[in-house]
Amino acid sequence: MTALVLLVFAAASFVLLAVGANLALHWTRARPQMSGQRRIPPRLTPRAVFDEAGATVLALFGPAAALLPPPKPLRPARPTRLALLRDPRLPANAHWLLRRRLERAGWHVTASLPTGSPTDANAVDRIAAAITAAVGSGGPITLVGVGQSGLLARQLAARHRHFPRVLTIATPHQGTTSPAMSAAVRPPSDYLEAVAVMDERPRAFDAIAIYSNGDGWLEPTDASYYPGAFNLEVHDVGHLSMLFSARVFHYVEENLEAPLPADLGR
């Protein structure tokens, strides 16, 4: 029993130290006076360490969440089907609570779908076909992209009309210099250029981007702003914490419920 307590304490201490170090590095690397980059507000930093540490533990708990019984929907089934694209840096079921909340709200959700950083149209088309096969044919599919996969969602929707809506959470739409993210999203990169080329204006799909001023994984913190989309900045929520935040889920649900704009050009 003592060994188990020590193991849990050591794991919790490691997570706290890792999250604290990441936020400290974020603070020292940001240069708002030179580049306009925003730092995480000082008042938020202590709480953010514990919030992100808790979210990290919950994300790592994801594989065990697959053993939980399916949630009972609290609302009637919705006609819209959702494809939840996870961040490739996270465990396959790191978004387990977000998925369960969506299912309880009545949506049919398919997760753990193909992800990647395709730089050519053929690769995007292959991923689109795999997602459609996993979700099943029979109508439009809304793409919910977490982290880097929000960029892939943009590419998919830009090339395929049966993806009429994209909602992203903590996605570096403008690229990020953060070493916590993959090289594919650090500008300049071939992938970011490919995303920009595919996602041309006028946009033929509805786009919503939700991001936070407390995101210590992205530099600058407003790298998740998606020009031309409906952007929602939440306050005092960390990167992984966004997957477990009830406030963020309220915004997700509210925007998924909204009717599609009539002028999408589809």
Protein backbone atom coordinates (compact mmCIF):
# COMPACT_ATOMS: atom_id res chain seq x y z
CA MET A 1 0.00 0.00 0.00
CA THR A 2 2.84 2.35 0.88
CA ALA A 3 4.53 1.61 -2.43
CA LEU A 4 1.32 2.43 -4.32
CA VAL A 5 0.93 5.75 -2.48
CA LEU A 6 4.54 6.64 -3.24
CA LEU A 7 4.06 5.73 -6.90
CA VAL A 8 0.96 7.93 -7.20
CA PHE A 9 2.73 10.78 -5.41
CA ALA A 10 5.76 10.48 -7.70
CA ALA A 11 3.58 10.44 -10.83
CA ALA A 12 1.56 13.45 -9.65
CA SER A 13 4.76 15.33 -8.79
CA PHE A 14 6.24 14.58 -12.21
CA VAL A 15 3.11 15.85 -13.99
CA LEU A 16 3.06 19.04 -11.89
CA LEU A 17 6.75 19.69 -12.55
CA ALA A 18 6.40 19.05 -16.28
CA VAL A 19 3.38 21.34 -16.63
CA GLY A 20 5.00 24.01 -14.47
CA ALA A 21 8.17 23.89 -16.55
CA ASN A 22 6.20 24.23 -19.78
CA LEU A 23 4.34 27.30 -18.49
CA ALA A 24 7.58 28.81 -17.19
CA LEU A 25 9.23 28.35 -20.59
CA HIS A 26 6.17 29.85 -22.25
CA TRP A 27 6.53 32.93 -20.05
CA THR A 28 10.25 33.40 -20.75
CA ARG A 29 9.99 32.80 -24.52
CA ALA A 30 7.12 35.20 -25.16
CA ARG A 31 8.28 38.64 -26.31
CA PRO A 32 5.15 40.82 -26.32
CA GLN A 33 7.11 44.09 -26.45
CA MET A 34 8.83 42.96 -29.66
CA SER A 35 6.37 40.82 -31.56
CA GLY A 36 2.95 41.46 -30.06
CA GLN A 37 2.86 37.96 -28.58
CA ARG A 38 0.69 37.66 -25.50
CA ARG A 39 1.83 35.94 -22.34
CA ILE A 40 -0.45 33.90 -20.14
CA PRO A 41 -1.81 36.36 -17.54
CA PRO A 42 0.33 36.22 -14.34
CA ARG A 43 -2.73 35.75 -12.13
CA LEU A 44 -3.61 32.63 -14.13
CA THR A 45 -0.23 30.88 -14.01
CA PRO A 46 -0.45 29.18 -10.56
CA ARG A 47 -3.96 27.87 -11.15
CA ALA A 48 -3.09 26.89 -14.72
CA VAL A 49 -0.36 24.56 -13.43
CA PHE A 50 -2.83 22.56 -11.34
CA ASP A 51 -5.61 22.70 -13.95
CA GLU A 52 -3.32 21.46 -16.71
CA ALA A 53 -1.84 18.80 -14.44
CA GLY A 54 -5.33 17.51 -13.70
CA ALA A 55 -6.24 17.61 -17.39
CA THR A 56 -3.04 15.70 -18.22
CA VAL A 57 -4.00 12.94 -15.81
CA LEU A 58 -7.52 12.82 -17.29
CA ALA A 59 -6.08 12.66 -20.82
CA LEU A 60 -3.79 9.78 -19.84
CA PHE A 61 -6.81 8.08 -18.29
CA GLY A 62 -8.37 7.96 -21.76
CA PRO A 63 -7.66 4.28 -22.58
CA ALA A 64 -9.33 3.19 -19.33
CA ALA A 65 -12.34 5.37 -20.21
CA ALA A 66 -13.10 2.92 -23.02
CA LEU A 67 -14.20 0.49 -20.29
CA LEU A 68 -16.93 2.86 -19.09
CA PRO A 69 -20.49 2.01 -20.13
CA PRO A 70 -21.88 4.04 -23.05
CA PRO A 71 -23.55 7.23 -21.84
CA LYS A 72 -27.33 7.49 -22.03
CA PRO A 73 -28.32 10.45 -24.24
CA LEU A 74 -30.04 13.24 -22.36
CA ARG A 75 -31.57 14.58 -25.57
CA PRO A 76 -33.17 12.96 -28.63
CA ALA A 77 -30.78 11.82 -31.33
CA ARG A 78 -29.63 14.65 -33.57
CA PRO A 79 -29.52 14.27 -37.35
CA THR A 80 -25.97 15.66 -37.56
CA ARG A 81 -23.12 13.15 -37.39
CA LEU A 82 -19.79 14.21 -35.89
CA ALA A 83 -16.29 13.03 -36.73
CA LEU A 84 -13.97 13.84 -33.83
CA LEU A 85 -10.37 14.19 -35.05
CA ARG A 86 -7.91 13.87 -32.19
CA ASP A 87 -4.60 15.65 -31.86
CA PRO A 88 -2.00 13.12 -33.09
CA ARG A 89 0.29 13.94 -30.13
CA LEU A 90 -2.32 12.75 -27.63
CA PRO A 91 -3.48 9.22 -26.75
CA ALA A 92 -6.30 7.95 -28.95
CA ASN A 93 -8.92 8.41 -26.21
CA ALA A 94 -7.57 11.60 -24.62
CA HIS A 95 -10.78 13.37 -25.66
CA TRP A 96 -12.97 10.77 -23.90
CA LEU A 97 -14.94 13.25 -21.76
CA LEU A 98 -15.61 15.57 -24.72
CA ARG A 99 -16.89 12.60 -26.71
CA ARG A 100 -19.12 11.40 -23.88
CA ARG A 101 -20.59 14.88 -23.45
CA LEU A 102 -21.35 15.08 -27.16
CA GLU A 103 -23.00 11.66 -27.10
CA ARG A 104 -25.08 12.59 -24.05
CA ALA A 105 -26.19 15.67 -25.97
CA GLY A 106 -27.61 13.41 -28.68
CA TRP A 107 -24.91 13.45 -31.37
CA HIS A 108 -23.60 10.35 -33.10
CA VAL A 109 -19.83 10.63 -32.66
CA THR A 110 -17.08 8.68 -34.38
CA ALA A 111 -13.60 9.17 -32.92
CA SER A 112 -10.04 7.85 -33.23
CA LEU A 113 -10.15 8.56 -36.94
CA PRO A 114 -7.20 8.88 -39.36
CA THR A 115 -5.05 11.95 -38.76
CA GLY A 116 -1.94 13.38 -40.33
CA SER A 117 -0.31 16.37 -42.01
CA PRO A 118 -0.94 15.81 -45.73
CA THR A 119 0.67 18.23 -48.14
CA ASP A 120 -1.03 16.98 -51.31
CA ALA A 121 -4.65 16.67 -52.40
CA ASN A 122 -4.51 12.92 -53.00
CA ALA A 123 -3.49 12.26 -49.40
CA VAL A 124 -6.33 14.49 -48.16
CA ASP A 125 -8.78 12.61 -50.37
CA ARG A 126 -7.63 9.25 -48.97
CA ILE A 127 -8.14 10.49 -45.41
CA ALA A 128 -11.58 11.85 -46.37
CA ALA A 129 -12.55 8.46 -47.79
CA ALA A 130 -11.37 6.66 -44.64
CA ILE A 131 -13.34 9.03 -42.40
CA THR A 132 -16.47 8.71 -44.51
CA ALA A 133 -16.19 4.92 -44.40
CA ALA A 134 -15.78 4.98 -40.61
CA VAL A 135 -18.70 7.34 -40.02
CA GLY A 136 -20.91 5.83 -42.72
CA SER A 137 -22.58 7.44 -45.70
CA GLY A 138 -25.96 9.06 -45.43
CA GLY A 139 -25.60 12.79 -45.14
CA PRO A 140 -23.32 15.64 -44.07
CA ILE A 141 -20.59 15.10 -41.48
CA THR A 142 -19.41 17.81 -39.10
CA LEU A 143 -15.68 17.73 -38.33
CA VAL A 144 -14.51 18.55 -34.79
CA GLY A 145 -10.74 18.95 -34.83
CA VAL A 146 -8.68 18.94 -31.63
CA GLY A 147 -5.27 20.62 -31.68
CA GLN A 148 -3.29 20.09 -34.86
CA SER A 149 -6.08 17.99 -36.41
CA GLY A 150 -8.13 21.15 -36.76
CA LEU A 151 -5.85 22.01 -39.69
CA LEU A 152 -6.60 18.67 -41.30
CA ALA A 153 -10.32 19.34 -40.80
CA ARG A 154 -9.92 22.56 -42.80
CA GLN A 155 -8.27 20.67 -45.66
CA LEU A 156 -10.96 17.99 -45.69
CA ALA A 157 -13.83 20.48 -45.71
CA ALA A 158 -12.18 22.59 -48.38
CA ARG A 159 -12.08 19.64 -50.79
CA HIS A 160 -15.23 17.68 -49.89
CA ARG A 161 -18.72 19.12 -49.75
CA HIS A 162 -20.11 16.50 -47.38
CA PHE A 163 -18.09 18.20 -44.59
CA PRO A 164 -20.10 21.44 -44.36
CA ARG A 165 -18.92 22.51 -40.91
CA VAL A 166 -15.59 22.54 -39.08
CA LEU A 167 -15.18 23.30 -35.38
CA THR A 168 -11.67 23.44 -33.97
CA ILE A 169 -10.41 23.45 -30.39
CA ALA A 170 -6.94 24.83 -29.55
CA THR A 171 -5.74 24.54 -33.14
CA PRO A 172 -2.66 26.56 -34.25
CA HIS A 173 -4.30 27.98 -37.37
CA GLN A 174 -1.53 30.53 -37.87
CA GLY A 175 1.26 28.16 -36.94
CA THR A 176 3.18 28.20 -33.68
CA THR A 177 6.78 28.42 -32.57
CA SER A 178 6.12 26.23 -29.53
CA PRO A 179 8.48 23.22 -29.23
CA ALA A 180 5.55 21.33 -27.69
CA MET A 181 3.97 21.12 -31.16
CA SER A 182 5.20 19.15 -34.15
CA ALA A 183 7.52 20.65 -36.77
CA ALA A 184 4.69 20.50 -39.31
CA VAL A 185 2.95 23.48 -37.67
CA ARG A 186 6.03 25.63 -37.07
CA PRO A 187 6.20 28.30 -39.76
CA PRO A 188 7.42 28.29 -42.37
CA SER A 189 6.45 24.73 -43.22
CA ASP A 190 5.22 22.88 -46.29
CA TYR A 191 2.18 21.70 -44.36
CA LEU A 192 1.00 25.16 -43.31
CA GLU A 193 1.44 26.30 -46.91
CA ALA A 194 -0.62 23.33 -48.15
CA VAL A 195 -3.40 24.16 -45.66
CA ALA A 196 -3.48 27.78 -46.80
CA VAL A 197 -3.62 26.78 -50.48
CA MET A 198 -6.49 24.32 -49.99
CA ASP A 199 -8.49 26.58 -47.68
CA GLU A 200 -9.04 29.38 -50.17
CA ARG A 201 -11.57 32.20 -49.99
CA PRO A 202 -14.49 32.38 -50.36
CA ARG A 203 -14.79 29.53 -47.88
CA ALA A 204 -17.47 26.97 -48.79
CA PHE A 205 -17.89 25.58 -45.28
CA ASP A 206 -18.86 26.95 -41.88
CA ALA A 207 -15.83 27.39 -39.61
CA ILE A 208 -15.69 27.92 -35.85
CA ALA A 209 -12.46 28.21 -33.85
CA ILE A 210 -12.39 28.00 -30.04
CA TYR A 211 -9.16 28.89 -28.28
CA SER A 212 -7.92 30.24 -24.95
CA ASN A 213 -5.74 33.05 -23.66
CA GLY A 214 -4.40 30.54 -21.12
CA ASP A 215 -3.01 28.05 -23.64
CA GLY A 216 0.58 27.43 -22.60
CA TRP A 217 1.19 24.95 -25.43
CA LEU A 218 0.88 27.53 -28.19
CA GLU A 219 3.09 30.54 -28.80
CA PRO A 220 1.71 33.08 -29.25
CA THR A 221 -1.47 32.21 -27.38
CA ASP A 222 -3.58 33.73 -30.16
CA ALA A 223 -2.03 31.45 -32.80
CA SER A 224 -5.40 29.65 -32.73
CA TYR A 225 -7.20 32.64 -34.21
CA TYR A 226 -8.64 31.49 -37.56
CA PRO A 227 -8.98 34.45 -39.97
CA GLY A 228 -12.38 34.52 -41.65
CA ALA A 229 -13.96 32.04 -39.21
CA PHE A 230 -16.21 32.61 -36.21
CA ASN A 231 -13.65 32.84 -33.41
CA LEU A 232 -14.36 32.34 -29.70
CA GLU A 233 -11.64 33.14 -27.16
CA VAL A 234 -12.24 31.67 -23.73
CA HIS A 235 -10.34 32.93 -20.72
CA ASP A 236 -8.25 31.19 -18.10
CA VAL A 237 -8.40 27.67 -19.59
CA GLY A 238 -5.27 25.68 -20.46
CA HIS A 239 -4.58 23.68 -23.62
CA LEU A 240 -5.53 20.21 -22.39
CA SER A 241 -8.01 21.70 -19.93
CA MET A 242 -10.12 22.78 -22.89
CA LEU A 243 -10.99 19.12 -23.51
CA PHE A 244 -12.51 18.83 -20.02
CA SER A 245 -13.92 22.32 -19.49
CA ALA A 246 -17.71 22.55 -19.09
CA ARG A 247 -17.55 26.16 -20.30
CA VAL A 248 -15.75 25.16 -23.49
CA PHE A 249 -18.22 22.35 -24.08
CA HIS A 250 -21.09 24.85 -23.73
CA TYR A 251 -19.58 26.86 -26.60
CA VAL A 252 -19.04 23.68 -28.63
CA GLU A 253 -22.65 22.58 -28.16
CA GLU A 254 -24.04 26.05 -28.84
CA ASN A 255 -22.19 26.36 -32.14
CA LEU A 256 -22.89 22.83 -33.31
CA GLU A 257 -26.61 23.47 -32.74
CA ALA A 258 -26.61 26.60 -34.90
CA PRO A 259 -28.03 26.25 -38.43
CA LEU A 260 -25.57 26.35 -41.29
CA PRO A 261 -25.25 29.75 -42.98
CA ALA A 262 -27.28 30.08 -46.15
CA ASP A 263 -24.40 31.60 -48.16
CA LEU A 264 -21.84 28.80 -48.02
CA GLY A 265 -21.70 28.56 -51.78
CA ARG A 266 -22.25 24.81 -51.83
